[in-house]
Structure formats: structure tokens, C-alpha cells
Amino acid sequence: MAASASHSPYAITPWEVSFLDPLREHRNALIILNQPFSFPLLDRVWHASRWHACADGGANRLHDLLHNHDGKDKRHLFTPDLIKGDLDSLRDDVRAYYSSRGVRIVQDNDLYATDLMKCIAALVEDERAERHVEQNTIVLLGGLSGRLDQTVHTLSLVHKLRKSRKRTFVITDDNVAWLLDSGEHRIQIDHTLFGPTCGLLPVGIDSTILTTTGLRWNLTEHPSCFDGMVSTSNHLLPDEPVVTVKTTNPIWWTMELRPLSPVTRI
């Protein structure tokens, strides 16, 4: 779908959730939060990422999932580059194990930054040290379930990150979500991974005007806000490989994640 220069001030931003395909080349940075996740999801996002960090108690989640997975200890196959935070959640046994593996463990007691913010700051430092290297896509594993205040923090932080990071995704075993900034967007849909439900959520804004294609219930110049219409429980169309969204203000796009199968590696 081409945009007409005479009708639109925006360039179309393309989107593809390629970080669920570990067999492709990627520049992803994975940050594991202190929320539950499955091995199939971890396996995909881990091997599709080149930089791996645990935000404080996220290291406990990683350690415990792998310590006895299907009767095998797989911890050594998933060694993070960094564990960072105030470390009030990191267990002693987990810290001892990852210390023995040479993992960089950084205690940061800044009261004005969350553990997630501290990990992102570390990523920025590592990117600067590399020099002349494009930004990594940030993939947050967790952040959309559990405590409501932490979920809202994730939404707020990603909303603010749009000003400095090109792409930040949040994924759980139930869904994937990211922020679409003001403008026009073209989203490639892999129906083997996503669907049927999806949504456009006006979080952090007063309102927006939406136009969409590729959905079961499309919108045309339709206002969306918390006091009015919110497009939840919409559906992807199985025969439509692309969804387009035009929005006058930033809006969250979310898709249901289908159960994942193991990836076969040659």
C-alpha cells in the first residue's frame, strides 16, 4: 500500500515481528523482567538476540526455568551478559551461580530509576562503546502482566522511549505489543504466530484519530480515547498479510500470541 504524498504528511513506517524467528540475523537486545515466561518463548527471543540482560529478579525467573527443564539443566546454554538493578529481588543462590559463570552483576541503588530503566541505560552505554553501530531493537520479556503499577510503568517507559529508540517491543506468552507513533504504519502479520485478536489502545494520550485496513472491524477517521471508543478484541483477517494503521497520536498496537512450538535448528 503506497502513501500519496499529496494526502499524507507522514512516511509509512514498516513493522515486522522478526525477533520470534531465531534463524534470522538480528540486532536485538533482550531484557528479561521478573515475570513468568515459557521455555518456547524464551528459546525464540533469546536466540534472536545478541545482547541479554536480566532486570534484577528476572535472573531468578531465568535460572529457575532452566535449572530443571524436562529433566535437564540448561542454565549454561542461556548465560546473560548482565544482571542489573537494586538487586533486592535477586536470590543469593542465583547470584552465586551467575557470578561463577562470569556474568556482570551490577547493583544500582538509584531510587529514581527502575530496574528496567537501569538495564536500558546499560544497553545505551554498551552501544556507545561499540561506536558507529545502529541501535538494537529492544525486546522486553514480560512487563504486561502481574502488578498493575509495573505494567503501567512498562507502558509509560516505552511511550517515552519512542523519542530516543526506533523500536521497542514487549512480549509475553499471551501477546506482543508496541507503540505506534503518530503517522502511518504497515504491519506484516504472520498468522502462524499471531491472532486472532488484536487491539489499538489509546494509553497515555487524550485521544487520537484512527484509520485502519486489514482488520475485521476497520476504522475510518474514527476518534479513540478512554472516554470513548477503544478498539479491543478486534480480529486479524487470516487472508490479509498486512495491517495498516494511521494515527494522529501515539497508540499501542497489540496482537494475541498463539502457542509456540519448538524451533528446529540444523
Protein backbone atom coordinates (compact mmCIF):
# COMPACT_ATOMS: atom_id res chain seq x y z
CA MET A 1 0.00 0.00 0.00
CA ALA A 2 1.66 3.23 -1.13
CA ALA A 3 1.06 6.54 0.58
CA SER A 4 0.08 9.50 -1.56
CA ALA A 5 2.39 12.43 -0.93
CA SER A 6 -0.41 14.86 -1.70
CA HIS A 7 -2.68 13.45 1.01
CA SER A 8 -0.30 12.42 3.81
CA PRO A 9 2.47 14.32 5.63
CA TYR A 10 3.82 11.04 7.02
CA ALA A 11 6.21 8.43 5.73
CA ILE A 12 4.92 4.89 6.22
CA THR A 13 6.74 3.02 8.98
CA PRO A 14 7.14 -0.72 8.28
CA TRP A 15 6.89 -3.23 11.15
CA GLU A 16 7.69 -6.93 11.36
CA VAL A 17 7.95 -9.11 14.48
CA SER A 18 11.08 -10.89 13.30
CA PHE A 19 12.53 -11.48 16.77
CA LEU A 20 10.43 -14.65 17.11
CA ASP A 21 12.50 -16.22 14.31
CA PRO A 22 15.90 -17.13 15.82
CA LEU A 23 17.17 -18.45 12.49
CA ARG A 24 17.42 -14.93 11.04
CA GLU A 25 20.13 -12.33 11.57
CA HIS A 26 19.14 -9.81 14.21
CA ARG A 27 20.25 -6.78 16.16
CA ASN A 28 18.02 -7.33 19.18
CA ALA A 29 18.66 -6.64 22.84
CA LEU A 30 16.65 -8.82 25.22
CA ILE A 31 15.77 -7.62 28.73
CA ILE A 32 14.15 -10.23 30.98
CA LEU A 33 11.78 -8.88 33.62
CA ASN A 34 10.64 -10.50 36.85
CA GLN A 35 7.52 -12.14 35.42
CA PRO A 36 6.75 -15.72 34.31
CA PHE A 37 7.50 -16.91 30.78
CA SER A 38 7.66 -20.26 28.99
CA PHE A 39 10.69 -22.04 27.61
CA PRO A 40 9.49 -21.96 23.97
CA LEU A 41 9.13 -18.18 24.15
CA LEU A 42 12.48 -17.73 25.91
CA ASP A 43 14.21 -20.01 23.41
CA ARG A 44 12.99 -17.96 20.45
CA VAL A 45 13.66 -14.47 21.76
CA TRP A 46 16.99 -15.42 23.33
CA HIS A 47 18.49 -16.88 20.16
CA ALA A 48 17.16 -13.98 18.12
CA SER A 49 19.07 -11.52 20.35
CA ARG A 50 22.73 -10.56 20.53
CA TRP A 51 22.64 -8.85 23.95
CA HIS A 52 20.92 -10.32 27.01
CA ALA A 53 20.18 -8.74 30.36
CA CYS A 54 18.11 -9.60 33.42
CA ALA A 55 16.46 -6.82 35.39
CA ASP A 56 17.11 -7.88 39.00
CA GLY A 57 14.62 -10.69 39.80
CA GLY A 58 14.38 -11.56 36.11
CA ALA A 59 17.55 -13.56 36.77
CA ASN A 60 15.61 -15.73 39.25
CA ARG A 61 13.00 -16.45 36.56
CA LEU A 62 15.67 -17.38 34.02
CA HIS A 63 17.58 -19.56 36.47
CA ASP A 64 14.56 -21.44 37.80
CA LEU A 65 13.05 -22.14 34.39
CA LEU A 66 16.30 -23.68 33.13
CA HIS A 67 17.60 -25.45 36.23
CA ASN A 68 15.45 -28.49 35.59
CA HIS A 69 13.80 -28.19 32.19
CA ASP A 70 12.48 -31.56 31.03
CA GLY A 71 14.87 -33.20 33.47
CA LYS A 72 17.93 -31.34 32.14
CA ASP A 73 19.97 -28.42 33.46
CA LYS A 74 20.06 -25.87 30.62
CA ARG A 75 21.28 -22.88 32.59
CA HIS A 76 24.69 -22.85 30.88
CA LEU A 77 23.03 -22.50 27.47
CA PHE A 78 21.38 -19.19 28.42
CA THR A 79 24.01 -17.09 30.18
CA PRO A 80 23.10 -13.38 30.28
CA ASP A 81 25.58 -10.60 29.62
CA LEU A 82 24.28 -8.56 32.53
CA ILE A 83 22.18 -8.62 35.69
CA LYS A 84 21.40 -5.12 36.90
CA GLY A 85 19.10 -3.37 39.37
CA ASP A 86 18.94 -2.62 43.05
CA LEU A 87 19.18 -6.41 43.48
CA ASP A 88 16.64 -6.55 46.27
CA SER A 89 14.95 -9.48 44.48
CA LEU A 90 18.00 -11.40 43.27
CA ARG A 91 18.38 -14.56 45.37
CA ASP A 92 21.77 -15.45 46.84
CA ASP A 93 21.93 -18.83 45.10
CA VAL A 94 21.11 -17.26 41.74
CA ARG A 95 23.70 -14.55 42.23
CA ALA A 96 26.32 -17.14 43.19
CA TYR A 97 25.59 -19.26 40.12
CA TYR A 98 25.78 -16.43 37.62
CA SER A 99 28.87 -14.99 39.33
CA SER A 100 30.55 -18.35 38.80
CA ARG A 101 29.66 -18.07 35.12
CA GLY A 102 31.36 -14.68 34.84
CA VAL A 103 28.16 -12.68 34.40
CA ARG A 104 28.46 -8.96 35.02
CA ILE A 105 26.27 -8.21 38.05
CA VAL A 106 25.74 -4.51 38.78
CA GLN A 107 23.98 -3.15 41.84
CA ASP A 108 22.49 0.27 41.17
CA ASN A 109 20.65 1.89 44.07
CA ASP A 110 19.35 4.90 42.16
CA LEU A 111 15.92 5.49 43.72
CA TYR A 112 14.71 7.46 40.71
CA ALA A 113 15.18 4.66 38.18
CA THR A 114 13.53 1.24 37.98
CA ASP A 115 15.48 -1.94 37.30
CA LEU A 116 14.24 -1.86 33.71
CA MET A 117 15.44 1.71 33.25
CA LYS A 118 18.85 0.73 34.64
CA CYS A 119 19.17 -2.12 32.14
CA ILE A 120 18.25 0.15 29.24
CA ALA A 121 20.88 2.67 30.43
CA ALA A 122 23.46 -0.15 30.40
CA LEU A 123 22.45 -1.08 26.85
CA VAL A 124 22.90 2.52 25.73
CA GLU A 125 26.39 2.56 27.30
CA ASP A 126 27.34 -0.67 25.53
CA GLU A 127 26.05 0.65 22.20
CA ARG A 128 28.09 3.83 22.61
CA ALA A 129 31.20 1.78 23.37
CA GLU A 130 30.78 -0.08 20.06
CA ARG A 131 30.61 3.18 18.05
CA HIS A 132 29.15 3.56 14.57
CA VAL A 133 26.72 0.75 15.23
CA GLU A 134 22.98 1.13 14.71
CA GLN A 135 20.64 0.81 17.66
CA ASN A 136 19.48 -2.60 18.79
CA THR A 137 15.78 -3.32 18.79
CA ILE A 138 14.77 -3.70 22.44
CA VAL A 139 12.70 -6.77 23.31
CA LEU A 140 11.19 -6.79 26.80
CA LEU A 141 10.28 -10.27 28.00
CA GLY A 142 7.46 -9.65 30.48
CA GLY A 143 6.04 -6.34 31.56
CA LEU A 144 2.39 -6.76 30.60
CA SER A 145 1.17 -9.00 33.42
CA GLY A 146 1.39 -9.20 37.19
CA ARG A 147 1.27 -5.99 39.21
CA LEU A 148 -0.73 -3.22 37.57
CA ASP A 149 1.70 -0.48 38.64
CA GLN A 150 4.57 -2.32 36.93
CA THR A 151 2.51 -2.83 33.79
CA VAL A 152 1.69 0.88 33.66
CA HIS A 153 5.39 1.65 34.15
CA THR A 154 6.22 -0.52 31.13
CA LEU A 155 3.63 1.32 29.03
CA SER A 156 4.85 4.70 30.23
CA LEU A 157 8.53 3.94 29.68
CA VAL A 158 8.03 2.61 26.16
CA HIS A 159 5.87 5.64 25.38
CA LYS A 160 8.77 7.91 26.38
CA LEU A 161 11.40 5.74 24.67
CA ARG A 162 9.83 6.43 21.26
CA LYS A 163 11.75 9.72 21.30
CA SER A 164 15.15 8.03 21.54
CA ARG A 165 14.71 4.40 20.41
CA LYS A 166 13.47 3.33 17.00
CA ARG A 167 11.86 0.05 18.06
CA THR A 168 10.88 -1.38 21.44
CA PHE A 169 8.65 -4.45 21.73
CA VAL A 170 7.04 -6.04 24.79
CA ILE A 171 6.17 -9.73 24.70
CA THR A 172 4.59 -12.30 27.00
CA ASP A 173 3.22 -15.77 26.37
CA ASP A 174 -0.15 -14.16 25.66
CA ASN A 175 0.61 -11.21 23.43
CA VAL A 176 3.10 -8.86 21.81
CA ALA A 177 2.69 -5.09 21.88
CA TRP A 178 4.48 -1.96 20.82
CA LEU A 179 3.84 1.75 20.40
CA LEU A 180 2.89 3.19 17.03
CA ASP A 181 3.91 6.83 16.93
CA SER A 182 1.90 9.50 15.15
CA GLY A 183 1.78 8.69 11.45
CA GLU A 184 1.14 5.77 9.13
CA HIS A 185 2.24 2.20 9.81
CA ARG A 186 2.38 -1.02 7.78
CA ILE A 187 2.46 -4.16 9.94
CA GLN A 188 3.41 -7.53 8.43
CA ILE A 189 1.30 -10.28 10.03
CA ASP A 190 2.50 -13.86 10.44
CA HIS A 191 -0.79 -15.65 11.07
CA THR A 192 1.01 -18.79 12.20
CA LEU A 193 2.24 -16.81 15.22
CA PHE A 194 -0.40 -14.17 15.85
CA GLY A 195 -4.13 -13.93 16.15
CA PRO A 196 -6.93 -13.94 16.04
CA THR A 197 -7.38 -11.00 18.42
CA CYS A 198 -5.68 -7.61 18.32
CA GLY A 199 -6.25 -4.13 19.66
CA LEU A 200 -5.40 -0.43 19.40
CA LEU A 201 -5.14 1.14 22.85
CA PRO A 202 -5.04 4.92 23.42
CA VAL A 203 -2.85 4.79 26.54
CA GLY A 204 -1.01 7.94 27.60
CA ILE A 205 -2.85 10.31 25.26
CA ASP A 206 -6.04 12.35 25.39
CA SER A 207 -7.33 10.96 22.10
CA THR A 208 -6.36 10.05 18.55
CA ILE A 209 -7.98 9.66 15.14
CA LEU A 210 -7.60 6.19 13.64
CA THR A 211 -7.84 4.74 10.15
CA THR A 212 -7.07 1.06 9.59
CA THR A 213 -7.11 -1.67 6.95
CA GLY A 214 -6.68 -5.43 7.29
CA LEU A 215 -8.89 -5.83 10.38
CA ARG A 216 -12.29 -7.43 10.73
CA TRP A 217 -13.68 -4.17 12.09
CA ASN A 218 -11.78 -1.37 10.38
CA LEU A 219 -11.88 2.27 11.41
CA THR A 220 -12.04 5.30 9.14
CA GLU A 221 -11.10 8.66 10.65
CA HIS A 222 -12.55 7.41 13.93
CA PRO A 223 -11.73 9.07 17.28
CA SER A 224 -10.40 6.80 20.02
CA CYS A 225 -9.94 7.66 23.70
CA PHE A 226 -10.53 6.25 27.19
CA ASP A 227 -13.73 8.28 27.48
CA GLY A 228 -14.96 6.98 24.13
CA MET A 229 -14.22 4.16 21.70
CA VAL A 230 -11.30 1.77 22.37
CA SER A 231 -10.63 -0.91 19.74
CA THR A 232 -10.23 -4.04 21.88
CA SER A 233 -10.97 -7.63 20.81
CA ASN A 234 -10.66 -6.73 17.16
CA HIS A 235 -9.59 -9.54 14.81
CA LEU A 236 -6.86 -10.07 12.27
CA LEU A 237 -8.16 -11.36 8.94
CA PRO A 238 -6.49 -14.68 8.01
CA ASP A 239 -6.26 -13.76 4.32
CA GLU A 240 -4.73 -10.33 4.98
CA PRO A 241 -0.92 -10.37 5.35
CA VAL A 242 -0.72 -6.67 6.23
CA VAL A 243 -2.48 -4.35 8.67
CA THR A 244 -2.18 -0.61 8.15
CA VAL A 245 -2.77 1.96 10.88
CA LYS A 246 -2.90 5.72 10.54
CA THR A 247 -2.99 7.59 13.85
CA THR A 248 -2.76 11.25 14.79
CA ASN A 249 -1.24 10.46 18.19
CA PRO A 250 0.85 7.59 19.62
CA ILE A 251 -1.18 4.44 20.21
CA TRP A 252 -0.45 0.92 21.45
CA TRP A 253 -0.83 -1.95 18.99
CA THR A 254 -1.23 -5.44 20.47
CA MET A 255 -1.70 -8.91 18.98
CA GLU A 256 -2.54 -12.21 20.61
CA LEU A 257 0.36 -14.69 20.51
CA ARG A 258 -0.52 -18.24 19.53
CA PRO A 259 1.07 -21.18 21.45
CA LEU A 260 4.65 -21.53 20.29
CA SER A 261 6.25 -24.74 19.09
CA PRO A 262 9.97 -25.55 19.50
CA VAL A 263 12.30 -24.24 16.80
CA THR A 264 14.16 -26.85 14.79
CA ARG A 265 17.82 -25.92 14.32
CA ILE A 266 20.07 -27.59 11.79
